[in-house]
């Protein structure tokens, strides 16, 4: 499962990933900032973070990306969209997101059947 969210949806996706990293294969957060997770599983989840340079959340998003990188996250792809505001980030990033997701799930196909991860209660 890959979680994709824009604005508050992106922040909620980040919070979910921080709390339940083993439940996700990848995460896309657009024009969002939020709680950053920790731990080895979290650091290996592929992240796509996109934000427009005219987005009011641009600085917060950049700060969050720096915090994630400082924790040793090794699969973070950060995209800045020049002269793009908050509402247009999903449209501006569409091609990049589709490429990210295609690569994410193509690697699953190439590896064969993915081992089922043990499910834990989310309570």
PDB file of N, CA and C in Angstrom:
ATOM      1  N   UNK A   1       0.839  -1.172   0.000  1.00  0.00           N
ATOM      2  CA  UNK A   1       0.000   0.000   0.000  1.00  0.00           C
ATOM      3  C   UNK A   1       0.883   1.233   0.000  1.00  0.00           C
ATOM      4  N   UNK A   2       0.579   2.167  -0.862  1.00  0.00           N
ATOM      5  CA  UNK A   2       1.227   3.474  -0.848  1.00  0.00           C
ATOM      6  C   UNK A   2       0.168   4.498  -0.458  1.00  0.00           C
ATOM      7  N   UNK A   3       0.515   5.392   0.422  1.00  0.00           N
ATOM      8  CA  UNK A   3      -0.409   6.424   0.864  1.00  0.00           C
ATOM      9  C   UNK A   3      -0.043   7.722   0.163  1.00  0.00           C
ATOM     10  N   UNK A   4      -1.060   8.400  -0.377  1.00  0.00           N
ATOM     11  CA  UNK A   4      -0.865   9.657  -1.089  1.00  0.00           C
ATOM     12  C   UNK A   4      -1.771  10.698  -0.464  1.00  0.00           C
ATOM     13  N   UNK A   5      -1.200  11.870  -0.133  1.00  0.00           N
ATOM     14  CA  UNK A   5      -2.017  12.925   0.453  1.00  0.00           C
ATOM     15  C   UNK A   5      -1.500  14.303   0.094  1.00  0.00           C
ATOM     16  N   UNK A   6      -2.435  15.243  -0.013  1.00  0.00           N
ATOM     17  CA  UNK A   6      -2.112  16.649  -0.285  1.00  0.00           C
ATOM     18  C   UNK A   6      -2.618  17.489   0.877  1.00  0.00           C
ATOM     19  N   UNK A   7      -1.823  18.466   1.277  1.00  0.00           N
ATOM     20  CA  UNK A   7      -2.190  19.402   2.336  1.00  0.00           C
ATOM     21  C   UNK A   7      -2.420  18.647   3.644  1.00  0.00           C
ATOM     22  N   UNK A   8      -3.588  18.790   4.238  1.00  0.00           N
ATOM     23  CA  UNK A   8      -3.872  18.084   5.492  1.00  0.00           C
ATOM     24  C   UNK A   8      -3.846  16.572   5.283  1.00  0.00           C
ATOM     25  N   UNK A   9      -4.237  16.110   4.101  1.00  0.00           N
ATOM     26  CA  UNK A   9      -4.159  14.681   3.789  1.00  0.00           C
ATOM     27  C   UNK A   9      -2.721  14.186   3.784  1.00  0.00           C
ATOM     28  N   UNK A  10      -1.808  15.026   3.317  1.00  0.00           N
ATOM     29  CA  UNK A  10      -0.391  14.678   3.355  1.00  0.00           C
ATOM     30  C   UNK A  10       0.126  14.626   4.779  1.00  0.00           C
ATOM     31  N   UNK A  11      -0.315  15.577   5.601  1.00  0.00           N
ATOM     32  CA  UNK A  11       0.089  15.581   7.012  1.00  0.00           C
ATOM     33  C   UNK A  11      -0.433  14.348   7.732  1.00  0.00           C
ATOM     34  N   UNK A  12      -1.663  13.947   7.434  1.00  0.00           N
ATOM     35  CA  UNK A  12      -2.221  12.739   8.038  1.00  0.00           C
ATOM     36  C   UNK A  12      -1.487  11.489   7.549  1.00  0.00           C
ATOM     37  N   UNK A  13      -1.082  11.486   6.291  1.00  0.00           N
ATOM     38  CA  UNK A  13      -0.297  10.366   5.757  1.00  0.00           C
ATOM     39  C   UNK A  13       1.035  10.253   6.482  1.00  0.00           C
ATOM     40  N   UNK A  14       1.689  11.388   6.718  1.00  0.00           N
ATOM     41  CA  UNK A  14       2.951  11.397   7.461  1.00  0.00           C
ATOM     42  C   UNK A  14       2.756  10.875   8.879  1.00  0.00           C
ATOM     43  N   UNK A  15       1.671  11.302   9.536  1.00  0.00           N
ATOM     44  CA  UNK A  15       1.392  10.848  10.903  1.00  0.00           C
ATOM     45  C   UNK A  15       1.139   9.345  10.931  1.00  0.00           C
ATOM     46  N   UNK A  16       0.387   8.839   9.962  1.00  0.00           N
ATOM     47  CA  UNK A  16       0.119   7.398   9.887  1.00  0.00           C
ATOM     48  C   UNK A  16       1.419   6.631   9.699  1.00  0.00           C
ATOM     49  N   UNK A  17       2.262   7.120   8.798  1.00  0.00           N
ATOM     50  CA  UNK A  17       3.536   6.452   8.524  1.00  0.00           C
ATOM     51  C   UNK A  17       4.446   6.468   9.748  1.00  0.00           C
ATOM     52  N   UNK A  18       4.433   7.578  10.495  1.00  0.00           N
ATOM     53  CA  UNK A  18       5.262   7.665  11.704  1.00  0.00           C
ATOM     54  C   UNK A  18       4.814   6.644  12.747  1.00  0.00           C
ATOM     55  N   UNK A  19       3.509   6.411  12.810  1.00  0.00           N
ATOM     56  CA  UNK A  19       2.965   5.499  13.823  1.00  0.00           C
ATOM     57  C   UNK A  19       2.972   4.035  13.371  1.00  0.00           C
ATOM     58  N   UNK A  20       2.726   3.804  12.085  1.00  0.00           N
ATOM     59  CA  UNK A  20       2.607   2.439  11.564  1.00  0.00           C
ATOM     60  C   UNK A  20       3.485   2.235  10.323  1.00  0.00           C
ATOM     61  N   UNK A  21       4.782   2.408  10.424  1.00  0.00           N
ATOM     62  CA  UNK A  21       5.624   2.340   9.225  1.00  0.00           C
ATOM     63  C   UNK A  21       5.599   0.988   8.510  1.00  0.00           C
ATOM     64  N   UNK A  22       5.390  -0.080   9.230  1.00  0.00           N
ATOM     65  CA  UNK A  22       5.409  -1.400   8.587  1.00  0.00           C
ATOM     66  C   UNK A  22       4.171  -1.650   7.725  1.00  0.00           C
ATOM     67  N   UNK A  23       3.182  -0.780   7.804  1.00  0.00           N
ATOM     68  CA  UNK A  23       1.953  -0.955   7.023  1.00  0.00           C
ATOM     69  C   UNK A  23       2.058  -0.371   5.613  1.00  0.00           C
ATOM     70  N   UNK A  24       3.107   0.421   5.350  1.00  0.00           N
ATOM     71  CA  UNK A  24       3.200   1.117   4.068  1.00  0.00           C
ATOM     72  C   UNK A  24       4.396   0.663   3.250  1.00  0.00           C
ATOM     73  N   UNK A  25       4.199   0.667   1.952  1.00  0.00           N
ATOM     74  CA  UNK A  25       5.279   0.392   1.009  1.00  0.00           C
ATOM     75  C   UNK A  25       5.896   1.696   0.511  1.00  0.00           C
ATOM     76  N   UNK A  26       5.127   2.782   0.537  1.00  0.00           N
ATOM     77  CA  UNK A  26       5.609   4.078   0.084  1.00  0.00           C
ATOM     78  C   UNK A  26       4.661   5.173   0.505  1.00  0.00           C
ATOM     79  N   UNK A  27       5.146   6.412   0.427  1.00  0.00           N
ATOM     80  CA  UNK A  27       4.346   7.550   0.862  1.00  0.00           C
ATOM     81  C   UNK A  27       4.588   8.740  -0.056  1.00  0.00           C
ATOM     82  N   UNK A  28       3.501   9.428  -0.416  1.00  0.00           N
ATOM     83  CA  UNK A  28       3.571  10.666  -1.187  1.00  0.00           C
ATOM     84  C   UNK A  28       2.888  11.746  -0.355  1.00  0.00           C
ATOM     85  N   UNK A  29       3.631  12.818  -0.071  1.00  0.00           N
ATOM     86  CA  UNK A  29       3.091  13.957   0.680  1.00  0.00           C
ATOM     87  C   UNK A  29       3.318  15.217  -0.145  1.00  0.00           C
ATOM     88  N   UNK A  30       2.236  15.910  -0.455  1.00  0.00           N
ATOM     89  CA  UNK A  30       2.312  17.119  -1.275  1.00  0.00           C
ATOM     90  C   UNK A  30       1.856  18.329  -0.471  1.00  0.00           C
ATOM     91  N   UNK A  31       2.657  19.378  -0.469  1.00  0.00           N
ATOM     92  CA  UNK A  31       2.292  20.602   0.236  1.00  0.00           C
ATOM     93  C   UNK A  31       1.949  20.325   1.680  1.00  0.00           C
ATOM     94  N   UNK A  32       2.726  19.462   2.314  1.00  0.00           N
ATOM     95  CA  UNK A  32       2.408  19.017   3.674  1.00  0.00           C
ATOM     96  C   UNK A  32       3.658  19.019   4.531  1.00  0.00           C
ATOM     97  N   UNK A  33       3.445  19.140   5.806  1.00  0.00           N
ATOM     98  CA  UNK A  33       4.510  18.935   6.777  1.00  0.00           C
ATOM     99  C   UNK A  33       3.847  18.257   7.967  1.00  0.00           C
ATOM    100  N   UNK A  34       4.643  17.694   8.824  1.00  0.00           N
ATOM    101  CA  UNK A  34       4.028  17.015   9.955  1.00  0.00           C
ATOM    102  C   UNK A  34       5.011  16.228  10.771  1.00  0.00           C
ATOM    103  N   UNK A  35       4.452  15.368  11.580  1.00  0.00           N
ATOM    104  CA  UNK A  35       5.236  14.538  12.495  1.00  0.00           C
ATOM    105  C   UNK A  35       6.151  13.605  11.721  1.00  0.00           C
ATOM    106  N   UNK A  36       7.365  13.527  12.169  1.00  0.00           N
ATOM    107  CA  UNK A  36       8.358  12.678  11.537  1.00  0.00           C
ATOM    108  C   UNK A  36       8.571  11.448  12.405  1.00  0.00           C
ATOM    109  N   UNK A  37       8.599  10.301  11.781  1.00  0.00           N
ATOM    110  CA  UNK A  37       8.797   9.055  12.512  1.00  0.00           C
ATOM    111  C   UNK A  37      10.264   8.765  12.759  1.00  0.00           C
ATOM    112  N   UNK A  38      10.515   7.586  13.285  1.00  0.00           N
ATOM    113  CA  UNK A  38      11.890   7.159  13.537  1.00  0.00           C
ATOM    114  C   UNK A  38      11.942   5.641  13.442  1.00  0.00           C
ATOM    115  N   UNK A  39      13.129   5.102  13.544  1.00  0.00           N
ATOM    116  CA  UNK A  39      13.292   3.654  13.507  1.00  0.00           C
ATOM    117  C   UNK A  39      13.735   3.174  12.145  1.00  0.00           C
ATOM    118  N   UNK A  40      14.274   1.982  12.120  1.00  0.00           N
ATOM    119  CA  UNK A  40      14.844   1.434  10.895  1.00  0.00           C
ATOM    120  C   UNK A  40      13.806   1.234   9.796  1.00  0.00           C
ATOM    121  N   UNK A  41      12.644   0.709  10.124  1.00  0.00           N
ATOM    122  CA  UNK A  41      11.610   0.484   9.101  1.00  0.00           C
ATOM    123  C   UNK A  41      11.216   1.813   8.466  1.00  0.00           C
ATOM    124  N   UNK A  42      10.994   2.819   9.294  1.00  0.00           N
ATOM    125  CA  UNK A  42      10.600   4.144   8.805  1.00  0.00           C
ATOM    126  C   UNK A  42      11.636   4.706   7.829  1.00  0.00           C
ATOM    127  N   UNK A  43      12.906   4.533   8.152  1.00  0.00           N
ATOM    128  CA  UNK A  43      13.977   5.106   7.324  1.00  0.00           C
ATOM    129  C   UNK A  43      14.119   4.429   5.968  1.00  0.00           C
ATOM    130  N   UNK A  44      13.495   3.295   5.765  1.00  0.00           N
ATOM    131  CA  UNK A  44      13.631   2.593   4.489  1.00  0.00           C
ATOM    132  C   UNK A  44      12.390   2.699   3.601  1.00  0.00           C
ATOM    133  N   UNK A  45      11.350   3.367   4.071  1.00  0.00           N
ATOM    134  CA  UNK A  45      10.137   3.532   3.260  1.00  0.00           C
ATOM    135  C   UNK A  45      10.387   4.616   2.209  1.00  0.00           C
ATOM    136  N   UNK A  46      10.161   4.322   0.933  1.00  0.00           N
ATOM    137  CA  UNK A  46      10.321   5.353  -0.086  1.00  0.00           C
ATOM    138  C   UNK A  46       9.323   6.501   0.115  1.00  0.00           C
ATOM    139  N   UNK A  47       9.852   7.712   0.154  1.00  0.00           N
ATOM    140  CA  UNK A  47       9.045   8.921   0.320  1.00  0.00           C
ATOM    141  C   UNK A  47       9.172   9.788  -0.922  1.00  0.00           C
ATOM    142  N   UNK A  48       8.059  10.357  -1.341  1.00  0.00           N
ATOM    143  CA  UNK A  48       8.034  11.403  -2.357  1.00  0.00           C
ATOM    144  C   UNK A  48       7.413  12.607  -1.673  1.00  0.00           C
ATOM    145  N   UNK A  49       8.161  13.685  -1.570  1.00  0.00           N
ATOM    146  CA  UNK A  49       7.651  14.912  -0.972  1.00  0.00           C
ATOM    147  C   UNK A  49       7.721  15.997  -2.034  1.00  0.00           C
ATOM    148  N   UNK A  50       6.598  16.635  -2.314  1.00  0.00           N
ATOM    149  CA  UNK A  50       6.545  17.689  -3.319  1.00  0.00           C
ATOM    150  C   UNK A  50       5.873  18.928  -2.769  1.00  0.00           C
ATOM    151  N   UNK A  51       6.400  20.093  -3.171  1.00  0.00           N
ATOM    152  CA  UNK A  51       5.816  21.357  -2.706  1.00  0.00           C
ATOM    153  C   UNK A  51       6.145  22.441  -3.727  1.00  0.00           C
ATOM    154  N   UNK A  52       5.200  23.337  -3.922  1.00  0.00           N
ATOM    155  CA  UNK A  52       5.421  24.479  -4.801  1.00  0.00           C
ATOM    156  C   UNK A  52       6.169  25.581  -4.060  1.00  0.00           C
ATOM    157  N   UNK A  53       7.021  26.298  -4.781  1.00  0.00           N
ATOM    158  CA  UNK A  53       7.807  27.349  -4.144  1.00  0.00           C
ATOM    159  C   UNK A  53       6.940  28.528  -3.691  1.00  0.00           C
ATOM    160  N   UNK A  54       5.729  28.636  -4.212  1.00  0.00           N
ATOM    161  CA  UNK A  54       4.809  29.701  -3.798  1.00  0.00           C
ATOM    162  C   UNK A  54       3.802  29.222  -2.751  1.00  0.00           C
ATOM    163  N   UNK A  55       3.954  28.001  -2.294  1.00  0.00           N
ATOM    164  CA  UNK A  55       3.084  27.422  -1.264  1.00  0.00           C
ATOM    165  C   UNK A  55       3.441  28.029   0.091  1.00  0.00           C
ATOM    166  N   UNK A  56       2.448  28.430   0.862  1.00  0.00           N
ATOM    167  CA  UNK A  56       2.701  28.983   2.192  1.00  0.00           C
ATOM    168  C   UNK A  56       3.373  27.973   3.117  1.00  0.00           C
ATOM    169  N   UNK A  57       3.253  26.686   2.805  1.00  0.00           N
ATOM    170  CA  UNK A  57       3.880  25.655   3.631  1.00  0.00           C
ATOM    171  C   UNK A  57       5.284  25.283   3.140  1.00  0.00           C
ATOM    172  N   UNK A  58       5.816  26.026   2.168  1.00  0.00           N
ATOM    173  CA  UNK A  58       7.108  25.687   1.562  1.00  0.00           C
ATOM    174  C   UNK A  58       8.221  25.560   2.598  1.00  0.00           C
ATOM    175  N   UNK A  59       8.386  26.548   3.460  1.00  0.00           N
ATOM    176  CA  UNK A  59       9.471  26.526   4.461  1.00  0.00           C
ATOM    177  C   UNK A  59       9.288  25.378   5.446  1.00  0.00           C
ATOM    178  N   UNK A  60       8.051  25.166   5.901  1.00  0.00           N
ATOM    179  CA  UNK A  60       7.781  24.063   6.840  1.00  0.00           C
ATOM    180  C   UNK A  60       8.076  22.717   6.189  1.00  0.00           C
ATOM    181  N   UNK A  61       7.738  22.601   4.927  1.00  0.00           N
ATOM    182  CA  UNK A  61       7.991  21.351   4.196  1.00  0.00           C
ATOM    183  C   UNK A  61       9.491  21.123   4.037  1.00  0.00           C
ATOM    184  N   UNK A  62      10.221  22.156   3.666  1.00  0.00           N
ATOM    185  CA  UNK A  62      11.683  22.032   3.543  1.00  0.00           C
ATOM    186  C   UNK A  62      12.316  21.642   4.878  1.00  0.00           C
ATOM    187  N   UNK A  63      11.832  22.241   5.952  1.00  0.00           N
ATOM    188  CA  UNK A  63      12.347  21.933   7.286  1.00  0.00           C
ATOM    189  C   UNK A  63      12.087  20.477   7.648  1.00  0.00           C
ATOM    190  N   UNK A  64      10.884  19.988   7.324  1.00  0.00           N
ATOM    191  CA  UNK A  64      10.537  18.598   7.601  1.00  0.00           C
ATOM    192  C   UNK A  64      11.440  17.654   6.807  1.00  0.00           C
ATOM    193  N   UNK A  65      11.677  17.968   5.537  1.00  0.00           N
ATOM    194  CA  UNK A  65      12.540  17.137   4.689  1.00  0.00           C
ATOM    195  C   UNK A  65      13.946  17.081   5.280  1.00  0.00           C
ATOM    196  N   UNK A  66      14.448  18.216   5.736  1.00  0.00           N
ATOM    197  CA  UNK A  66      15.777  18.247   6.356  1.00  0.00           C
ATOM    198  C   UNK A  66      15.813  17.378   7.613  1.00  0.00           C
ATOM    199  N   UNK A  67      14.751  17.443   8.407  1.00  0.00           N
ATOM    200  CA  UNK A  67      14.669  16.624   9.621  1.00  0.00           C
ATOM    201  C   UNK A  67      14.655  15.134   9.269  1.00  0.00           C
ATOM    202  N   UNK A  68      13.904  14.753   8.244  1.00  0.00           N
ATOM    203  CA  UNK A  68      13.846  13.352   7.818  1.00  0.00           C
ATOM    204  C   UNK A  68      15.227  12.892   7.342  1.00  0.00           C
ATOM    205  N   UNK A  69      15.882  13.715   6.545  1.00  0.00           N
ATOM    206  CA  UNK A  69      17.221  13.359   6.045  1.00  0.00           C
ATOM    207  C   UNK A  69      18.225  13.242   7.187  1.00  0.00           C
ATOM    208  N   UNK A  70      18.127  14.138   8.175  1.00  0.00           N
ATOM    209  CA  UNK A  70      19.044  14.104   9.318  1.00  0.00           C
ATOM    210  C   UNK A  70      18.893  12.835  10.149  1.00  0.00           C
ATOM    211  N   UNK A  71      17.752  12.180  10.045  1.00  0.00           N
ATOM    212  CA  UNK A  71      17.538  10.916  10.749  1.00  0.00           C
ATOM    213  C   UNK A  71      18.091   9.730   9.970  1.00  0.00           C
ATOM    214  N   UNK A  72      18.664   9.997   8.817  1.00  0.00           N
ATOM    215  CA  UNK A  72      19.260   8.913   8.036  1.00  0.00           C
ATOM    216  C   UNK A  72      18.312   8.249   7.062  1.00  0.00           C
ATOM    217  N   UNK A  73      17.191   8.904   6.753  1.00  0.00           N
ATOM    218  CA  UNK A  73      16.246   8.331   5.786  1.00  0.00           C
ATOM    219  C   UNK A  73      16.942   8.252   4.437  1.00  0.00           C
ATOM    220  N   UNK A  74      16.958   7.065   3.831  1.00  0.00           N
ATOM    221  CA  UNK A  74      17.740   6.880   2.613  1.00  0.00           C
ATOM    222  C   UNK A  74      16.924   6.725   1.335  1.00  0.00           C
ATOM    223  N   UNK A  75      15.613   6.942   1.408  1.00  0.00           N
ATOM    224  CA  UNK A  75      14.782   6.796   0.207  1.00  0.00           C
ATOM    225  C   UNK A  75      13.815   7.964   0.073  1.00  0.00           C
ATOM    226  N   UNK A  76      14.331   9.171   0.223  1.00  0.00           N
ATOM    227  CA  UNK A  76      13.512  10.377   0.170  1.00  0.00           C
ATOM    228  C   UNK A  76      13.758  11.118  -1.136  1.00  0.00           C
ATOM    229  N   UNK A  77      12.685  11.396  -1.847  1.00  0.00           N
ATOM    230  CA  UNK A  77      12.757  12.153  -3.086  1.00  0.00           C
ATOM    231  C   UNK A  77      12.003  13.461  -2.867  1.00  0.00           C
ATOM    232  N   UNK A  78      12.733  14.585  -2.868  1.00  0.00           N
ATOM    233  CA  UNK A  78      12.126  15.890  -2.610  1.00  0.00           C
ATOM    234  C   UNK A  78      12.054  16.684  -3.911  1.00  0.00           C
ATOM    235  N   UNK A  79      10.845  17.176  -4.221  1.00  0.00           N
ATOM    236  CA  UNK A  79      10.617  17.910  -5.467  1.00  0.00           C
ATOM    237  C   UNK A  79      10.066  19.304  -5.159  1.00  0.00           C
ATOM    238  N   UNK A  80      10.757  20.321  -5.677  1.00  0.00           N
ATOM    239  CA  UNK A  80      10.291  21.718  -5.591  1.00  0.00           C
ATOM    240  C   UNK A  80       9.701  22.084  -6.944  1.00  0.00           C
ATOM    241  N   UNK A  81       8.528  22.661  -6.931  1.00  0.00           N
ATOM    242  CA  UNK A  81       7.879  23.078  -8.169  1.00  0.00           C
ATOM    243  C   UNK A  81       7.869  24.599  -8.210  1.00  0.00           C
ATOM    244  N   UNK A  82       8.709  25.150  -9.104  1.00  0.00           N
ATOM    245  CA  UNK A  82       8.903  26.594  -9.193  1.00  0.00           C
ATOM    246  C   UNK A  82       7.618  27.326  -9.584  1.00  0.00           C
ATOM    247  N   UNK A  83       7.361  28.418  -8.865  1.00  0.00           N
ATOM    248  CA  UNK A  83       6.229  29.319  -9.134  1.00  0.00           C
ATOM    249  C   UNK A  83       4.872  28.621  -9.052  1.00  0.00           C
ATOM    250  N   UNK A  84       4.785  27.571  -8.246  1.00  0.00           N
ATOM    251  CA  UNK A  84       3.534  26.827  -8.074  1.00  0.00           C
ATOM    252  C   UNK A  84       3.044  27.036  -6.646  1.00  0.00           C
ATOM    253  N   UNK A  85       1.756  27.332  -6.533  1.00  0.00           N
ATOM    254  CA  UNK A  85       1.135  27.504  -5.227  1.00  0.00           C
ATOM    255  C   UNK A  85       0.563  26.198  -4.705  1.00  0.00           C
ATOM    256  N   UNK A  86      -0.051  26.285  -3.547  1.00  0.00           N
ATOM    257  CA  UNK A  86      -0.550  25.116  -2.836  1.00  0.00           C
ATOM    258  C   UNK A  86      -1.557  24.298  -3.656  1.00  0.00           C
ATOM    259  N   UNK A  87      -2.562  24.947  -4.195  1.00  0.00           N
ATOM    260  CA  UNK A  87      -3.644  24.236  -4.877  1.00  0.00           C
ATOM    261  C   UNK A  87      -3.190  23.539  -6.155  1.00  0.00           C
ATOM    262  N   UNK A  88      -2.132  24.035  -6.782  1.00  0.00           N
ATOM    263  CA  UNK A  88      -1.694  23.477  -8.062  1.00  0.00           C
ATOM    264  C   UNK A  88      -0.603  22.412  -7.932  1.00  0.00           C
ATOM    265  N   UNK A  89      -0.099  22.183  -6.713  1.00  0.00           N
ATOM    266  CA  UNK A  89       0.973  21.206  -6.535  1.00  0.00           C
ATOM    267  C   UNK A  89       0.594  19.809  -7.035  1.00  0.00           C
ATOM    268  N   UNK A  90      -0.613  19.295  -6.737  1.00  0.00           N
ATOM    269  CA  UNK A  90      -0.947  17.950  -7.249  1.00  0.00           C
ATOM    270  C   UNK A  90      -0.880  17.859  -8.774  1.00  0.00           C
ATOM    271  N   UNK A  91      -1.357  18.867  -9.465  1.00  0.00           N
ATOM    272  CA  UNK A  91      -1.323  18.850 -10.927  1.00  0.00           C
ATOM    273  C   UNK A  91       0.115  18.967 -11.437  1.00  0.00           C
ATOM    274  N   UNK A  92       0.896  19.865 -10.848  1.00  0.00           N
ATOM    275  CA  UNK A  92       2.279  20.071 -11.279  1.00  0.00           C
ATOM    276  C   UNK A  92       3.142  18.831 -11.042  1.00  0.00           C
ATOM    277  N   UNK A  93       2.805  18.060 -10.038  1.00  0.00           N
ATOM    278  CA  UNK A  93       3.629  16.905  -9.662  1.00  0.00           C
ATOM    279  C   UNK A  93       3.132  15.575 -10.222  1.00  0.00           C
ATOM    280  N   UNK A  94       2.036  15.599 -10.932  1.00  0.00           N
ATOM    281  CA  UNK A  94       1.380  14.368 -11.389  1.00  0.00           C
ATOM    282  C   UNK A  94       2.339  13.400 -12.104  1.00  0.00           C
ATOM    283  N   UNK A  95       3.089  13.897 -13.068  1.00  0.00           N
ATOM    284  CA  UNK A  95       3.985  13.019 -13.832  1.00  0.00           C
ATOM    285  C   UNK A  95       5.066  12.420 -12.928  1.00  0.00           C
ATOM    286  N   UNK A  96       5.618  13.238 -12.031  1.00  0.00           N
ATOM    287  CA  UNK A  96       6.650  12.755 -11.111  1.00  0.00           C
ATOM    288  C   UNK A  96       6.094  11.704 -10.152  1.00  0.00           C
ATOM    289  N   UNK A  97       4.880  11.942  -9.658  1.00  0.00           N
ATOM    290  CA  UNK A  97       4.256  10.988  -8.728  1.00  0.00           C
ATOM    291  C   UNK A  97       3.991   9.652  -9.424  1.00  0.00           C
ATOM    292  N   UNK A  98       3.450   9.726 -10.630  1.00  0.00           N
ATOM    293  CA  UNK A  98       3.174   8.482 -11.360  1.00  0.00           C
ATOM    294  C   UNK A  98       4.458   7.701 -11.620  1.00  0.00           C
ATOM    295  N   UNK A  99       5.543   8.396 -11.927  1.00  0.00           N
ATOM    296  CA  UNK A  99       6.830   7.732 -12.109  1.00  0.00           C
ATOM    297  C   UNK A  99       7.315   7.088 -10.813  1.00  0.00           C
ATOM    298  N   UNK A 100       7.163   7.809  -9.702  1.00  0.00           N
ATOM    299  CA  UNK A 100       7.544   7.282  -8.384  1.00  0.00           C
ATOM    300  C   UNK A 100       6.753   6.019  -8.058  1.00  0.00           C
ATOM    301  N   UNK A 101       5.426   6.079  -8.236  1.00  0.00           N
ATOM    302  CA  UNK A 101       4.575   4.926  -7.923  1.00  0.00           C
ATOM    303  C   UNK A 101       4.846   3.757  -8.866  1.00  0.00           C
ATOM    304  N   UNK A 102       5.067   4.060 -10.140  1.00  0.00           N
ATOM    305  CA  UNK A 102       5.376   3.002 -11.098  1.00  0.00           C
ATOM    306  C   UNK A 102       6.659   2.280 -10.695  1.00  0.00           C
ATOM    307  N   UNK A 103       7.677   3.039 -10.338  1.00  0.00           N
ATOM    308  CA  UNK A 103       8.939   2.438  -9.904  1.00  0.00           C
ATOM    309  C   UNK A 103       8.751   1.648  -8.612  1.00  0.00           C
ATOM    310  N   UNK A 104       7.982   2.208  -7.696  1.00  0.00           N
ATOM    311  CA  UNK A 104       7.727   1.557  -6.412  1.00  0.00           C
ATOM    312  C   UNK A 104       7.083   0.189  -6.606  1.00  0.00           C
ATOM    313  N   UNK A 105       6.054   0.127  -7.437  1.00  0.00           N
ATOM    314  CA  UNK A 105       5.338  -1.126  -7.612  1.00  0.00           C
ATOM    315  C   UNK A 105       5.947  -2.024  -8.677  1.00  0.00           C
ATOM    316  N   UNK A 106       6.724  -1.481  -9.581  1.00  0.00           N
ATOM    317  CA  UNK A 106       7.447  -2.315 -10.545  1.00  0.00           C
ATOM    318  C   UNK A 106       8.496  -3.141  -9.829  1.00  0.00           C
ATOM    319  N   UNK A 107       9.134  -2.556  -8.827  1.00  0.00           N
ATOM    320  CA  UNK A 107      10.149  -3.303  -8.086  1.00  0.00           C
ATOM    321  C   UNK A 107       9.517  -4.470  -7.342  1.00  0.00           C
ATOM    322  N   UNK A 108       8.271  -4.328  -6.927  1.00  0.00           N
ATOM    323  CA  UNK A 108       7.558  -5.419  -6.267  1.00  0.00           C
ATOM    324  C   UNK A 108       7.330  -6.565  -7.256  1.00  0.00           C
ATOM    325  N   UNK A 109       6.935  -6.215  -8.475  1.00  0.00           N
ATOM    326  CA  UNK A 109       6.694  -7.242  -9.489  1.00  0.00           C
ATOM    327  C   UNK A 109       7.990  -7.978  -9.825  1.00  0.00           C
ATOM    328  N   UNK A 110       9.086  -7.218  -9.923  1.00  0.00           N
ATOM    329  CA  UNK A 110      10.365  -7.818 -10.276  1.00  0.00           C
ATOM    330  C   UNK A 110      10.907  -8.720  -9.175  1.00  0.00           C
ATOM    331  N   UNK A 111      10.545  -8.454  -7.953  1.00  0.00           N
ATOM    332  CA  UNK A 111      11.016  -9.262  -6.833  1.00  0.00           C
ATOM    333  C   UNK A 111      10.186 -10.516  -6.637  1.00  0.00           C
ATOM    334  N   UNK A 112       9.095 -10.634  -7.374  1.00  0.00           N
ATOM    335  CA  UNK A 112       8.196 -11.756  -7.167  1.00  0.00           C
ATOM    336  C   UNK A 112       7.185 -11.411  -6.095  1.00  0.00           C
ATOM    337  N   UNK A 113       6.517 -12.393  -5.596  1.00  0.00           N
ATOM    338  CA  UNK A 113       5.485 -12.145  -4.591  1.00  0.00           C
ATOM    339  C   UNK A 113       6.122 -11.601  -3.318  1.00  0.00           C
ATOM    340  N   UNK A 114       5.574 -10.501  -2.846  1.00  0.00           N
ATOM    341  CA  UNK A 114       6.080  -9.901  -1.609  1.00  0.00           C
ATOM    342  C   UNK A 114       5.625 -10.739  -0.426  1.00  0.00           C
ATOM    343  N   UNK A 115       6.555 -10.918   0.512  1.00  0.00           N
ATOM    344  CA  UNK A 115       6.175 -11.648   1.713  1.00  0.00           C
ATOM    345  C   UNK A 115       5.137 -10.842   2.478  1.00  0.00           C
ATOM    346  N   UNK A 116       4.153 -11.535   2.990  1.00  0.00           N
ATOM    347  CA  UNK A 116       3.129 -10.845   3.777  1.00  0.00           C
ATOM    348  C   UNK A 116       3.752 -10.386   5.081  1.00  0.00           C
ATOM    349  N   UNK A 117       3.511  -9.139   5.424  1.00  0.00           N
ATOM    350  CA  UNK A 117       3.997  -8.622   6.701  1.00  0.00           C
ATOM    351  C   UNK A 117       2.982  -8.984   7.765  1.00  0.00           C
ATOM    352  N   UNK A 118       3.458  -9.329   8.950  1.00  0.00           N
ATOM    353  CA  UNK A 118       2.508  -9.603  10.026  1.00  0.00           C
ATOM    354  C   UNK A 118       1.681  -8.363  10.309  1.00  0.00           C
ATOM    355  N   UNK A 119       0.397  -8.511  10.448  1.00  0.00           N
ATOM    356  CA  UNK A 119      -0.499  -7.380  10.715  1.00  0.00           C
ATOM    357  C   UNK A 119      -0.593  -7.182  12.211  1.00  0.00           C
ATOM    358  N   UNK A 120      -0.512  -5.928  12.633  1.00  0.00           N
ATOM    359  CA  UNK A 120      -0.730  -5.626  14.036  1.00  0.00           C
ATOM    360  C   UNK A 120      -1.967  -4.781  14.172  1.00  0.00           C
ATOM    361  N   UNK A 121      -2.512  -4.823  15.323  1.00  0.00           N
ATOM    362  CA  UNK A 121      -3.673  -4.008  15.604  1.00  0.00           C
ATOM    363  C   UNK A 121      -3.272  -2.542  15.593  1.00  0.00           C
ATOM    364  N   UNK A 122      -4.119  -1.687  15.040  1.00  0.00           N
ATOM    365  CA  UNK A 122      -3.823  -0.254  14.991  1.00  0.00           C
ATOM    366  C   UNK A 122      -4.543   0.490  16.105  1.00  0.00           C
ATOM    367  N   UNK A 123      -4.893  -0.188  17.152  1.00  0.00           N
ATOM    368  CA  UNK A 123      -5.596   0.470  18.259  1.00  0.00           C
ATOM    369  C   UNK A 123      -4.646   1.177  19.164  1.00  0.00           C
TER     370      UNK A 123
END
